[in-house]
Amino acid sequence: MPQIFKLGSYWVYFWTNEGEPKEPVHVHISKGKPVPNGTKVWITKSGKCSLANNNSKIPEQDLNKLLRLIEPRAFEITRKWLEIFGQISFYC
Protein backbone atom coordinates (compact mmCIF):
# COMPACT_ATOMS: atom_id res chain seq x y z
CA MET A 1 0.00 0.00 0.00
CA PRO A 2 1.79 3.10 -1.22
CA GLN A 3 1.93 5.91 1.31
CA ILE A 4 1.23 9.22 -0.35
CA PHE A 5 2.05 11.41 2.61
CA LYS A 6 1.72 11.64 6.35
CA LEU A 7 -0.20 14.33 8.24
CA GLY A 8 0.84 14.24 11.87
CA SER A 9 0.11 10.71 13.09
CA TYR A 10 -2.25 9.98 10.17
CA TRP A 11 -1.20 8.13 7.03
CA VAL A 12 -2.78 8.99 3.68
CA TYR A 13 -2.35 6.05 1.32
CA PHE A 14 -3.69 3.94 -1.54
CA TRP A 15 -4.71 0.34 -0.99
CA THR A 16 -3.22 -1.58 -3.92
CA ASN A 17 -5.94 -4.24 -4.09
CA GLU A 18 -8.65 -2.04 -5.63
CA GLY A 19 -10.32 -4.81 -7.63
CA GLU A 20 -11.44 -4.77 -11.25
CA PRO A 21 -12.71 -2.52 -12.59
CA LYS A 22 -10.67 -0.06 -10.53
CA GLU A 23 -12.60 2.22 -8.23
CA PRO A 24 -12.47 5.97 -8.85
CA VAL A 25 -9.58 7.99 -7.41
CA HIS A 26 -9.58 7.94 -3.61
CA VAL A 27 -7.28 7.75 -0.62
CA HIS A 28 -7.49 5.92 2.66
CA ILE A 29 -6.60 7.48 6.00
CA SER A 30 -5.67 5.77 9.25
CA LYS A 31 -3.85 6.67 12.41
CA GLY A 32 -0.58 4.85 12.89
CA LYS A 33 -0.15 2.27 10.17
CA PRO A 34 -2.30 1.62 7.08
CA VAL A 35 -5.19 -0.79 7.52
CA PRO A 36 -7.33 -2.51 4.84
CA ASN A 37 -10.56 -0.74 5.80
CA GLY A 38 -9.28 2.73 6.64
CA THR A 39 -11.37 5.84 6.24
CA LYS A 40 -12.04 6.40 2.52
CA VAL A 41 -12.09 9.78 0.80
CA TRP A 42 -13.02 10.25 -2.86
CA ILE A 43 -11.08 12.85 -4.85
CA THR A 44 -13.54 14.55 -7.19
CA LYS A 45 -12.86 15.76 -10.71
CA SER A 46 -12.87 19.35 -9.40
CA GLY A 47 -10.21 18.47 -6.81
CA LYS A 48 -12.47 18.39 -3.78
CA CYS A 49 -12.73 15.68 -1.11
CA SER A 50 -15.87 13.67 -0.54
CA LEU A 51 -16.01 11.38 2.47
CA ALA A 52 -17.02 7.84 1.49
CA ASN A 53 -16.77 6.38 5.00
CA ASN A 54 -15.03 6.87 8.32
CA ASN A 55 -14.17 3.25 9.08
CA SER A 56 -11.07 4.34 11.04
CA LYS A 57 -13.36 6.26 13.42
CA ILE A 58 -11.28 9.43 13.10
CA PRO A 59 -12.67 12.12 15.42
CA GLU A 60 -14.74 14.66 13.47
CA GLN A 61 -12.47 17.59 14.31
CA ASP A 62 -9.37 15.69 13.10
CA LEU A 63 -11.19 14.42 10.01
CA ASN A 64 -12.30 17.92 8.97
CA LYS A 65 -8.73 19.18 9.37
CA LEU A 66 -7.36 16.24 7.35
CA LEU A 67 -9.83 16.88 4.51
CA ARG A 68 -8.78 20.55 4.40
CA LEU A 69 -5.13 19.47 4.18
CA ILE A 70 -5.75 16.79 1.54
CA GLU A 71 -7.74 18.97 -0.90
CA PRO A 72 -4.82 21.19 -1.95
CA ARG A 73 -2.92 18.01 -2.82
CA ALA A 74 -5.64 16.55 -5.07
CA PHE A 75 -3.55 17.02 -8.22
CA GLU A 76 -0.60 15.22 -6.61
CA ILE A 77 -2.90 12.39 -5.50
CA THR A 78 -4.45 12.05 -8.95
CA ARG A 79 -1.03 12.02 -10.64
CA LYS A 80 0.23 9.37 -8.23
CA TRP A 81 -2.95 7.28 -8.77
CA LEU A 82 -2.31 7.31 -12.52
CA GLU A 83 1.34 6.23 -11.99
CA ILE A 84 0.33 3.31 -9.79
CA PHE A 85 -2.95 2.13 -11.33
CA GLY A 86 -2.53 3.30 -14.95
CA GLN A 87 -6.05 4.71 -15.28
CA ILE A 88 -8.17 7.50 -13.84
CA SER A 89 -11.86 7.82 -13.16
CA PHE A 90 -13.71 10.04 -10.73
CA TYR A 91 -16.60 9.38 -8.37
CA CYS A 92 -18.09 12.76 -9.27
PDB file of N, CA and C in Angstrom:
ATOM      1  N   MET A   1       0.834  -1.162   0.000  1.00  0.00           N
ATOM      2  CA  MET A   1       0.000   0.000   0.000  1.00  0.00           C
ATOM      3  C   MET A   1       0.884   1.231   0.000  1.00  0.00           C
ATOM      4  N   PRO A   2       0.922   1.920  -1.113  1.00  0.00           N
ATOM      5  CA  PRO A   2       1.785   3.100  -1.220  1.00  0.00           C
ATOM      6  C   PRO A   2       1.308   4.245  -0.328  1.00  0.00           C
ATOM      7  N   GLN A   3       2.224   4.727   0.495  1.00  0.00           N
ATOM      8  CA  GLN A   3       1.932   5.906   1.312  1.00  0.00           C
ATOM      9  C   GLN A   3       2.098   7.129   0.423  1.00  0.00           C
ATOM     10  N   ILE A   4       1.135   8.002   0.445  1.00  0.00           N
ATOM     11  CA  ILE A   4       1.228   9.219  -0.351  1.00  0.00           C
ATOM     12  C   ILE A   4       1.903  10.301   0.471  1.00  0.00           C
ATOM     13  N   PHE A   5       1.417  10.488   1.675  1.00  0.00           N
ATOM     14  CA  PHE A   5       2.046  11.405   2.609  1.00  0.00           C
ATOM     15  C   PHE A   5       1.510  11.133   4.001  1.00  0.00           C
ATOM     16  N   LYS A   6       2.109  11.788   4.958  1.00  0.00           N
ATOM     17  CA  LYS A   6       1.717  11.639   6.349  1.00  0.00           C
ATOM     18  C   LYS A   6       1.341  13.022   6.870  1.00  0.00           C
ATOM     19  N   LEU A   7       0.246  13.087   7.614  1.00  0.00           N
ATOM     20  CA  LEU A   7      -0.200  14.331   8.235  1.00  0.00           C
ATOM     21  C   LEU A   7      -0.261  14.083   9.742  1.00  0.00           C
ATOM     22  N   GLY A   8       0.753  14.530  10.447  1.00  0.00           N
ATOM     23  CA  GLY A   8       0.838  14.235  11.871  1.00  0.00           C
ATOM     24  C   GLY A   8       0.958  12.731  12.067  1.00  0.00           C
ATOM     25  N   SER A   9       0.071  12.161  12.851  1.00  0.00           N
ATOM     26  CA  SER A   9       0.112  10.712  13.093  1.00  0.00           C
ATOM     27  C   SER A   9      -0.769   9.932  12.118  1.00  0.00           C
ATOM     28  N   TYR A  10      -1.365  10.622  11.137  1.00  0.00           N
ATOM     29  CA  TYR A  10      -2.254   9.976  10.173  1.00  0.00           C
ATOM     30  C   TYR A  10      -1.521   9.692   8.856  1.00  0.00           C
ATOM     31  N   TRP A  11      -1.730   8.508   8.333  1.00  0.00           N
ATOM     32  CA  TRP A  11      -1.197   8.126   7.030  1.00  0.00           C
ATOM     33  C   TRP A  11      -2.286   8.343   5.990  1.00  0.00           C
ATOM     34  N   VAL A  12      -1.896   8.859   4.846  1.00  0.00           N
ATOM     35  CA  VAL A  12      -2.781   8.986   3.684  1.00  0.00           C
ATOM     36  C   VAL A  12      -2.163   8.079   2.623  1.00  0.00           C
ATOM     37  N   TYR A  13      -2.941   7.098   2.158  1.00  0.00           N
ATOM     38  CA  TYR A  13      -2.352   6.049   1.320  1.00  0.00           C
ATOM     39  C   TYR A  13      -3.381   5.476   0.341  1.00  0.00           C
ATOM     40  N   PHE A  14      -2.855   4.744  -0.644  1.00  0.00           N
ATOM     41  CA  PHE A  14      -3.689   3.940  -1.540  1.00  0.00           C
ATOM     42  C   PHE A  14      -3.637   2.511  -1.037  1.00  0.00           C
ATOM     43  N   TRP A  15      -4.700   1.785  -1.239  1.00  0.00           N
ATOM     44  CA  TRP A  15      -4.707   0.344  -0.995  1.00  0.00           C
ATOM     45  C   TRP A  15      -4.549  -0.289  -2.363  1.00  0.00           C
ATOM     46  N   THR A  16      -3.533  -1.105  -2.574  1.00  0.00           N
ATOM     47  CA  THR A  16      -3.218  -1.582  -3.922  1.00  0.00           C
ATOM     48  C   THR A  16      -4.196  -2.625  -4.457  1.00  0.00           C
ATOM     49  N   ASN A  17      -4.975  -3.249  -3.616  1.00  0.00           N
ATOM     50  CA  ASN A  17      -5.938  -4.236  -4.090  1.00  0.00           C
ATOM     51  C   ASN A  17      -7.299  -3.544  -4.283  1.00  0.00           C
ATOM     52  N   GLU A  18      -7.436  -2.813  -5.367  1.00  0.00           N
ATOM     53  CA  GLU A  18      -8.650  -2.040  -5.629  1.00  0.00           C
ATOM     54  C   GLU A  18      -9.656  -2.770  -6.515  1.00  0.00           C
ATOM     55  N   GLY A  19      -9.369  -4.015  -6.849  1.00  0.00           N
ATOM     56  CA  GLY A  19     -10.316  -4.806  -7.631  1.00  0.00           C
ATOM     57  C   GLY A  19     -10.387  -4.386  -9.087  1.00  0.00           C
ATOM     58  N   GLU A  20     -11.210  -5.070  -9.829  1.00  0.00           N
ATOM     59  CA  GLU A  20     -11.438  -4.773 -11.253  1.00  0.00           C
ATOM     60  C   GLU A  20     -12.926  -4.684 -11.484  1.00  0.00           C
ATOM     61  N   PRO A  21     -13.450  -3.693 -12.136  1.00  0.00           N
ATOM     62  CA  PRO A  21     -12.706  -2.519 -12.586  1.00  0.00           C
ATOM     63  C   PRO A  21     -12.255  -1.682 -11.391  1.00  0.00           C
ATOM     64  N   LYS A  22     -11.206  -0.907 -11.596  1.00  0.00           N
ATOM     65  CA  LYS A  22     -10.668  -0.059 -10.531  1.00  0.00           C
ATOM     66  C   LYS A  22     -11.717   0.941 -10.061  1.00  0.00           C
ATOM     67  N   GLU A  23     -11.725   1.194  -8.776  1.00  0.00           N
ATOM     68  CA  GLU A  23     -12.599   2.224  -8.228  1.00  0.00           C
ATOM     69  C   GLU A  23     -12.086   3.596  -8.660  1.00  0.00           C
ATOM     70  N   PRO A  24     -12.927   4.609  -8.556  1.00  0.00           N
ATOM     71  CA  PRO A  24     -12.469   5.969  -8.851  1.00  0.00           C
ATOM     72  C   PRO A  24     -11.374   6.403  -7.871  1.00  0.00           C
ATOM     73  N   VAL A  25     -10.687   7.482  -8.207  1.00  0.00           N
ATOM     74  CA  VAL A  25      -9.578   7.994  -7.405  1.00  0.00           C
ATOM     75  C   VAL A  25     -10.034   8.267  -5.974  1.00  0.00           C
ATOM     76  N   HIS A  26      -9.302   7.706  -5.020  1.00  0.00           N
ATOM     77  CA  HIS A  26      -9.580   7.935  -3.605  1.00  0.00           C
ATOM     78  C   HIS A  26      -8.338   7.622  -2.793  1.00  0.00           C
ATOM     79  N   VAL A  27      -8.346   8.085  -1.558  1.00  0.00           N
ATOM     80  CA  VAL A  27      -7.284   7.754  -0.617  1.00  0.00           C
ATOM     81  C   VAL A  27      -7.923   7.133   0.617  1.00  0.00           C
ATOM     82  N   HIS A  28      -7.091   6.454   1.368  1.00  0.00           N
ATOM     83  CA  HIS A  28      -7.485   5.923   2.663  1.00  0.00           C
ATOM     84  C   HIS A  28      -6.683   6.674   3.718  1.00  0.00           C
ATOM     85  N   ILE A  29      -7.264   6.808   4.892  1.00  0.00           N
ATOM     86  CA  ILE A  29      -6.595   7.484   6.000  1.00  0.00           C
ATOM     87  C   ILE A  29      -6.724   6.602   7.239  1.00  0.00           C
ATOM     88  N   SER A  30      -5.619   6.471   7.962  1.00  0.00           N
ATOM     89  CA  SER A  30      -5.674   5.771   9.250  1.00  0.00           C
ATOM     90  C   SER A  30      -4.601   6.349  10.161  1.00  0.00           C
ATOM     91  N   LYS A  31      -4.822   6.196  11.431  1.00  0.00           N
ATOM     92  CA  LYS A  31      -3.850   6.670  12.413  1.00  0.00           C
ATOM     93  C   LYS A  31      -2.868   5.541  12.668  1.00  0.00           C
ATOM     94  N   GLY A  32      -1.594   5.885  12.694  1.00  0.00           N
ATOM     95  CA  GLY A  32      -0.583   4.849  12.894  1.00  0.00           C
ATOM     96  C   GLY A  32      -0.215   4.227  11.568  1.00  0.00           C
ATOM     97  N   LYS A  33      -0.505   2.965  11.418  1.00  0.00           N
ATOM     98  CA  LYS A  33      -0.148   2.274  10.175  1.00  0.00           C
ATOM     99  C   LYS A  33      -1.377   2.057   9.294  1.00  0.00           C
ATOM    100  N   PRO A  34      -1.174   1.894   7.977  1.00  0.00           N
ATOM    101  CA  PRO A  34      -2.296   1.619   7.079  1.00  0.00           C
ATOM    102  C   PRO A  34      -3.029   0.337   7.449  1.00  0.00           C
ATOM    103  N   VAL A  35      -4.339   0.365   7.265  1.00  0.00           N
ATOM    104  CA  VAL A  35      -5.192  -0.794   7.516  1.00  0.00           C
ATOM    105  C   VAL A  35      -6.087  -1.002   6.296  1.00  0.00           C
ATOM    106  N   PRO A  36      -6.527  -2.233   6.040  1.00  0.00           N
ATOM    107  CA  PRO A  36      -7.328  -2.507   4.844  1.00  0.00           C
ATOM    108  C   PRO A  36      -8.616  -1.696   4.751  1.00  0.00           C
ATOM    109  N   ASN A  37      -9.271  -1.436   5.850  1.00  0.00           N
ATOM    110  CA  ASN A  37     -10.558  -0.736   5.799  1.00  0.00           C
ATOM    111  C   ASN A  37     -10.477   0.640   6.437  1.00  0.00           C
ATOM    112  N   GLY A  38      -9.423   1.381   6.095  1.00  0.00           N
ATOM    113  CA  GLY A  38      -9.275   2.731   6.636  1.00  0.00           C
ATOM    114  C   GLY A  38     -10.341   3.661   6.093  1.00  0.00           C
ATOM    115  N   THR A  39     -10.454   4.805   6.705  1.00  0.00           N
ATOM    116  CA  THR A  39     -11.375   5.843   6.235  1.00  0.00           C
ATOM    117  C   THR A  39     -11.112   6.105   4.760  1.00  0.00           C
ATOM    118  N   LYS A  40     -12.172   6.216   3.967  1.00  0.00           N
ATOM    119  CA  LYS A  40     -12.035   6.397   2.517  1.00  0.00           C
ATOM    120  C   LYS A  40     -12.557   7.764   2.110  1.00  0.00           C
ATOM    121  N   VAL A  41     -11.739   8.450   1.283  1.00  0.00           N
ATOM    122  CA  VAL A  41     -12.088   9.783   0.803  1.00  0.00           C
ATOM    123  C   VAL A  41     -11.948   9.805  -0.720  1.00  0.00           C
ATOM    124  N   TRP A  42     -13.052  10.101  -1.401  1.00  0.00           N
ATOM    125  CA  TRP A  42     -13.018  10.255  -2.857  1.00  0.00           C
ATOM    126  C   TRP A  42     -12.359  11.588  -3.199  1.00  0.00           C
ATOM    127  N   ILE A  43     -11.595  11.609  -4.274  1.00  0.00           N
ATOM    128  CA  ILE A  43     -11.077  12.852  -4.847  1.00  0.00           C
ATOM    129  C   ILE A  43     -11.928  13.120  -6.076  1.00  0.00           C
ATOM    130  N   THR A  44     -12.623  14.254  -6.091  1.00  0.00           N
ATOM    131  CA  THR A  44     -13.538  14.545  -7.190  1.00  0.00           C
ATOM    132  C   THR A  44     -12.791  15.157  -8.373  1.00  0.00           C
ATOM    133  N   LYS A  45     -13.454  15.202  -9.494  1.00  0.00           N
ATOM    134  CA  LYS A  45     -12.865  15.764 -10.706  1.00  0.00           C
ATOM    135  C   LYS A  45     -12.463  17.223 -10.507  1.00  0.00           C
ATOM    136  N   SER A  46     -13.184  17.941  -9.660  1.00  0.00           N
ATOM    137  CA  SER A  46     -12.872  19.347  -9.397  1.00  0.00           C
ATOM    138  C   SER A  46     -11.800  19.519  -8.322  1.00  0.00           C
ATOM    139  N   GLY A  47     -11.271  18.407  -7.800  1.00  0.00           N
ATOM    140  CA  GLY A  47     -10.206  18.472  -6.814  1.00  0.00           C
ATOM    141  C   GLY A  47     -10.674  18.603  -5.381  1.00  0.00           C
ATOM    142  N   LYS A  48     -11.927  18.330  -5.136  1.00  0.00           N
ATOM    143  CA  LYS A  48     -12.471  18.388  -3.775  1.00  0.00           C
ATOM    144  C   LYS A  48     -12.422  16.997  -3.142  1.00  0.00           C
ATOM    145  N   CYS A  49     -12.648  16.950  -1.844  1.00  0.00           N
ATOM    146  CA  CYS A  49     -12.727  15.685  -1.113  1.00  0.00           C
ATOM    147  C   CYS A  49     -14.182  15.390  -0.793  1.00  0.00           C
ATOM    148  N   SER A  50     -14.535  14.121  -0.906  1.00  0.00           N
ATOM    149  CA  SER A  50     -15.871  13.675  -0.541  1.00  0.00           C
ATOM    150  C   SER A  50     -15.716  12.419   0.319  1.00  0.00           C
ATOM    151  N   LEU A  51     -16.172  12.494   1.547  1.00  0.00           N
ATOM    152  CA  LEU A  51     -16.011  11.381   2.468  1.00  0.00           C
ATOM    153  C   LEU A  51     -16.892  10.209   2.049  1.00  0.00           C
ATOM    154  N   ALA A  52     -16.276   9.053   1.827  1.00  0.00           N
ATOM    155  CA  ALA A  52     -17.024   7.838   1.494  1.00  0.00           C
ATOM    156  C   ALA A  52     -17.427   7.104   2.772  1.00  0.00           C
ATOM    157  N   ASN A  53     -16.484   6.991   3.714  1.00  0.00           N
ATOM    158  CA  ASN A  53     -16.775   6.377   5.003  1.00  0.00           C
ATOM    159  C   ASN A  53     -15.708   6.782   6.005  1.00  0.00           C
ATOM    160  N   ASN A  54     -16.000   6.597   7.261  1.00  0.00           N
ATOM    161  CA  ASN A  54     -15.032   6.871   8.322  1.00  0.00           C
ATOM    162  C   ASN A  54     -14.799   5.593   9.122  1.00  0.00           C
ATOM    163  N   ASN A  55     -14.385   4.547   8.437  1.00  0.00           N
ATOM    164  CA  ASN A  55     -14.166   3.253   9.084  1.00  0.00           C
ATOM    165  C   ASN A  55     -13.073   3.292  10.145  1.00  0.00           C
ATOM    166  N   SER A  56     -12.142   4.237  10.041  1.00  0.00           N
ATOM    167  CA  SER A  56     -11.073   4.342  11.035  1.00  0.00           C
ATOM    168  C   SER A  56     -11.539   5.072  12.292  1.00  0.00           C
ATOM    169  N   LYS A  57     -12.789   5.552  12.262  1.00  0.00           N
ATOM    170  CA  LYS A  57     -13.360   6.260  13.420  1.00  0.00           C
ATOM    171  C   LYS A  57     -12.509   7.467  13.836  1.00  0.00           C
ATOM    172  N   ILE A  58     -12.061   8.228  12.839  1.00  0.00           N
ATOM    173  CA  ILE A  58     -11.279   9.432  13.101  1.00  0.00           C
ATOM    174  C   ILE A  58     -12.213  10.472  13.715  1.00  0.00           C
ATOM    175  N   PRO A  59     -11.819  11.090  14.821  1.00  0.00           N
ATOM    176  CA  PRO A  59     -12.673  12.118  15.420  1.00  0.00           C
ATOM    177  C   PRO A  59     -13.010  13.219  14.410  1.00  0.00           C
ATOM    178  N   GLU A  60     -14.252  13.703  14.465  1.00  0.00           N
ATOM    179  CA  GLU A  60     -14.744  14.659  13.472  1.00  0.00           C
ATOM    180  C   GLU A  60     -13.832  15.869  13.305  1.00  0.00           C
ATOM    181  N   GLN A  61     -13.342  16.416  14.393  1.00  0.00           N
ATOM    182  CA  GLN A  61     -12.468  17.591  14.312  1.00  0.00           C
ATOM    183  C   GLN A  61     -11.183  17.257  13.538  1.00  0.00           C
ATOM    184  N   ASP A  62     -10.579  16.114  13.819  1.00  0.00           N
ATOM    185  CA  ASP A  62      -9.375  15.688  13.095  1.00  0.00           C
ATOM    186  C   ASP A  62      -9.693  15.427  11.638  1.00  0.00           C
ATOM    187  N   LEU A  63     -10.815  14.757  11.380  1.00  0.00           N
ATOM    188  CA  LEU A  63     -11.193  14.424  10.012  1.00  0.00           C
ATOM    189  C   LEU A  63     -11.389  15.686   9.172  1.00  0.00           C
ATOM    190  N   ASN A  64     -12.084  16.667   9.710  1.00  0.00           N
ATOM    191  CA  ASN A  64     -12.297  17.922   8.970  1.00  0.00           C
ATOM    192  C   ASN A  64     -10.966  18.601   8.650  1.00  0.00           C
ATOM    193  N   LYS A  65     -10.049  18.584   9.600  1.00  0.00           N
ATOM    194  CA  LYS A  65      -8.730  19.177   9.372  1.00  0.00           C
ATOM    195  C   LYS A  65      -7.979  18.401   8.287  1.00  0.00           C
ATOM    196  N   LEU A  66      -8.034  17.081   8.352  1.00  0.00           N
ATOM    197  CA  LEU A  66      -7.363  16.245   7.353  1.00  0.00           C
ATOM    198  C   LEU A  66      -7.911  16.513   5.954  1.00  0.00           C
ATOM    199  N   LEU A  67      -9.230  16.617   5.828  1.00  0.00           N
ATOM    200  CA  LEU A  67      -9.827  16.876   4.514  1.00  0.00           C
ATOM    201  C   LEU A  67      -9.359  18.226   3.971  1.00  0.00           C
ATOM    202  N   ARG A  68      -9.265  19.233   4.842  1.00  0.00           N
ATOM    203  CA  ARG A  68      -8.781  20.553   4.404  1.00  0.00           C
ATOM    204  C   ARG A  68      -7.317  20.496   3.963  1.00  0.00           C
ATOM    205  N   LEU A  69      -6.537  19.605   4.548  1.00  0.00           N
ATOM    206  CA  LEU A  69      -5.130  19.471   4.178  1.00  0.00           C
ATOM    207  C   LEU A  69      -4.931  18.596   2.941  1.00  0.00           C
ATOM    208  N   ILE A  70      -5.850  17.682   2.698  1.00  0.00           N
ATOM    209  CA  ILE A  70      -5.745  16.788   1.536  1.00  0.00           C
ATOM    210  C   ILE A  70      -6.176  17.504   0.251  1.00  0.00           C
ATOM    211  N   GLU A  71      -7.218  18.315   0.310  1.00  0.00           N
ATOM    212  CA  GLU A  71      -7.745  18.967  -0.902  1.00  0.00           C
ATOM    213  C   GLU A  71      -6.692  19.699  -1.722  1.00  0.00           C
ATOM    214  N   PRO A  72      -5.813  20.496  -1.127  1.00  0.00           N
ATOM    215  CA  PRO A  72      -4.817  21.189  -1.945  1.00  0.00           C
ATOM    216  C   PRO A  72      -3.836  20.245  -2.642  1.00  0.00           C
ATOM    217  N   ARG A  73      -3.834  18.997  -2.233  1.00  0.00           N
ATOM    218  CA  ARG A  73      -2.919  18.013  -2.824  1.00  0.00           C
ATOM    219  C   ARG A  73      -3.633  17.060  -3.783  1.00  0.00           C
ATOM    220  N   ALA A  74      -4.843  17.415  -4.189  1.00  0.00           N
ATOM    221  CA  ALA A  74      -5.643  16.551  -5.070  1.00  0.00           C
ATOM    222  C   ALA A  74      -4.927  16.253  -6.383  1.00  0.00           C
ATOM    223  N   PHE A  75      -4.265  17.257  -6.958  1.00  0.00           N
ATOM    224  CA  PHE A  75      -3.554  17.024  -8.221  1.00  0.00           C
ATOM    225  C   PHE A  75      -2.437  16.006  -8.017  1.00  0.00           C
ATOM    226  N   GLU A  76      -1.679  16.154  -6.937  1.00  0.00           N
ATOM    227  CA  GLU A  76      -0.602  15.218  -6.613  1.00  0.00           C
ATOM    228  C   GLU A  76      -1.156  13.802  -6.429  1.00  0.00           C
ATOM    229  N   ILE A  77      -2.274  13.689  -5.735  1.00  0.00           N
ATOM    230  CA  ILE A  77      -2.899  12.385  -5.496  1.00  0.00           C
ATOM    231  C   ILE A  77      -3.340  11.760  -6.813  1.00  0.00           C
ATOM    232  N   THR A  78      -3.974  12.551  -7.660  1.00  0.00           N
ATOM    233  CA  THR A  78      -4.454  12.047  -8.951  1.00  0.00           C
ATOM    234  C   THR A  78      -3.290  11.590  -9.827  1.00  0.00           C
ATOM    235  N   ARG A  79      -2.224  12.374  -9.842  1.00  0.00           N
ATOM    236  CA  ARG A  79      -1.033  12.021 -10.642  1.00  0.00           C
ATOM    237  C   ARG A  79      -0.431  10.713 -10.136  1.00  0.00           C
ATOM    238  N   LYS A  80      -0.322  10.580  -8.827  1.00  0.00           N
ATOM    239  CA  LYS A  80       0.235   9.367  -8.230  1.00  0.00           C
ATOM    240  C   LYS A  80      -0.667   8.152  -8.513  1.00  0.00           C
ATOM    241  N   TRP A  81      -1.994   8.355  -8.458  1.00  0.00           N
ATOM    242  CA  TRP A  81      -2.947   7.281  -8.766  1.00  0.00           C
ATOM    243  C   TRP A  81      -2.693   6.760 -10.185  1.00  0.00           C
ATOM    244  N   LEU A  82      -2.545   7.684 -11.128  1.00  0.00           N
ATOM    245  CA  LEU A  82      -2.307   7.307 -12.519  1.00  0.00           C
ATOM    246  C   LEU A  82      -0.998   6.516 -12.647  1.00  0.00           C
ATOM    247  N   GLU A  83       0.056   6.943 -11.961  1.00  0.00           N
ATOM    248  CA  GLU A  83       1.343   6.231 -11.992  1.00  0.00           C
ATOM    249  C   GLU A  83       1.197   4.799 -11.484  1.00  0.00           C
ATOM    250  N   ILE A  84       0.430   4.627 -10.436  1.00  0.00           N
ATOM    251  CA  ILE A  84       0.327   3.307  -9.794  1.00  0.00           C
ATOM    252  C   ILE A  84      -0.691   2.407 -10.483  1.00  0.00           C
ATOM    253  N   PHE A  85      -1.866   2.955 -10.812  1.00  0.00           N
ATOM    254  CA  PHE A  85      -2.951   2.126 -11.335  1.00  0.00           C
ATOM    255  C   PHE A  85      -3.123   2.206 -12.857  1.00  0.00           C
ATOM    256  N   GLY A  86      -2.519   3.215 -13.492  1.00  0.00           N
ATOM    257  CA  GLY A  86      -2.533   3.304 -14.947  1.00  0.00           C
ATOM    258  C   GLY A  86      -3.832   3.786 -15.564  1.00  0.00           C
ATOM    259  N   GLN A  87      -4.787   4.200 -14.762  1.00  0.00           N
ATOM    260  CA  GLN A  87      -6.052   4.706 -15.282  1.00  0.00           C
ATOM    261  C   GLN A  87      -6.695   5.624 -14.245  1.00  0.00           C
ATOM    262  N   ILE A  88      -7.524   6.528 -14.731  1.00  0.00           N
ATOM    263  CA  ILE A  88      -8.172   7.497 -13.843  1.00  0.00           C
ATOM    264  C   ILE A  88      -9.666   7.523 -14.127  1.00  0.00           C
ATOM    265  N   SER A  89     -10.447   7.508 -13.083  1.00  0.00           N
ATOM    266  CA  SER A  89     -11.864   7.824 -13.157  1.00  0.00           C
ATOM    267  C   SER A  89     -12.223   8.532 -11.869  1.00  0.00           C
ATOM    268  N   PHE A  90     -13.307   9.260 -11.890  1.00  0.00           N
ATOM    269  CA  PHE A  90     -13.707  10.041 -10.732  1.00  0.00           C
ATOM    270  C   PHE A  90     -15.099   9.644 -10.273  1.00  0.00           C
ATOM    271  N   TYR A  91     -15.302   9.675  -8.969  1.00  0.00           N
ATOM    272  CA  TYR A  91     -16.603   9.383  -8.366  1.00  0.00           C
ATOM    273  C   TYR A  91     -17.628  10.424  -8.794  1.00  0.00           C
ATOM    274  N   CYS A  92     -17.215  11.679  -8.801  1.00  0.00           N
ATOM    275  CA  CYS A  92     -18.091  12.760  -9.267  1.00  0.00           C
ATOM    276  C   CYS A  92     -17.250  13.958  -9.642  1.00  0.00           C
TER     277      CYS A  92
END
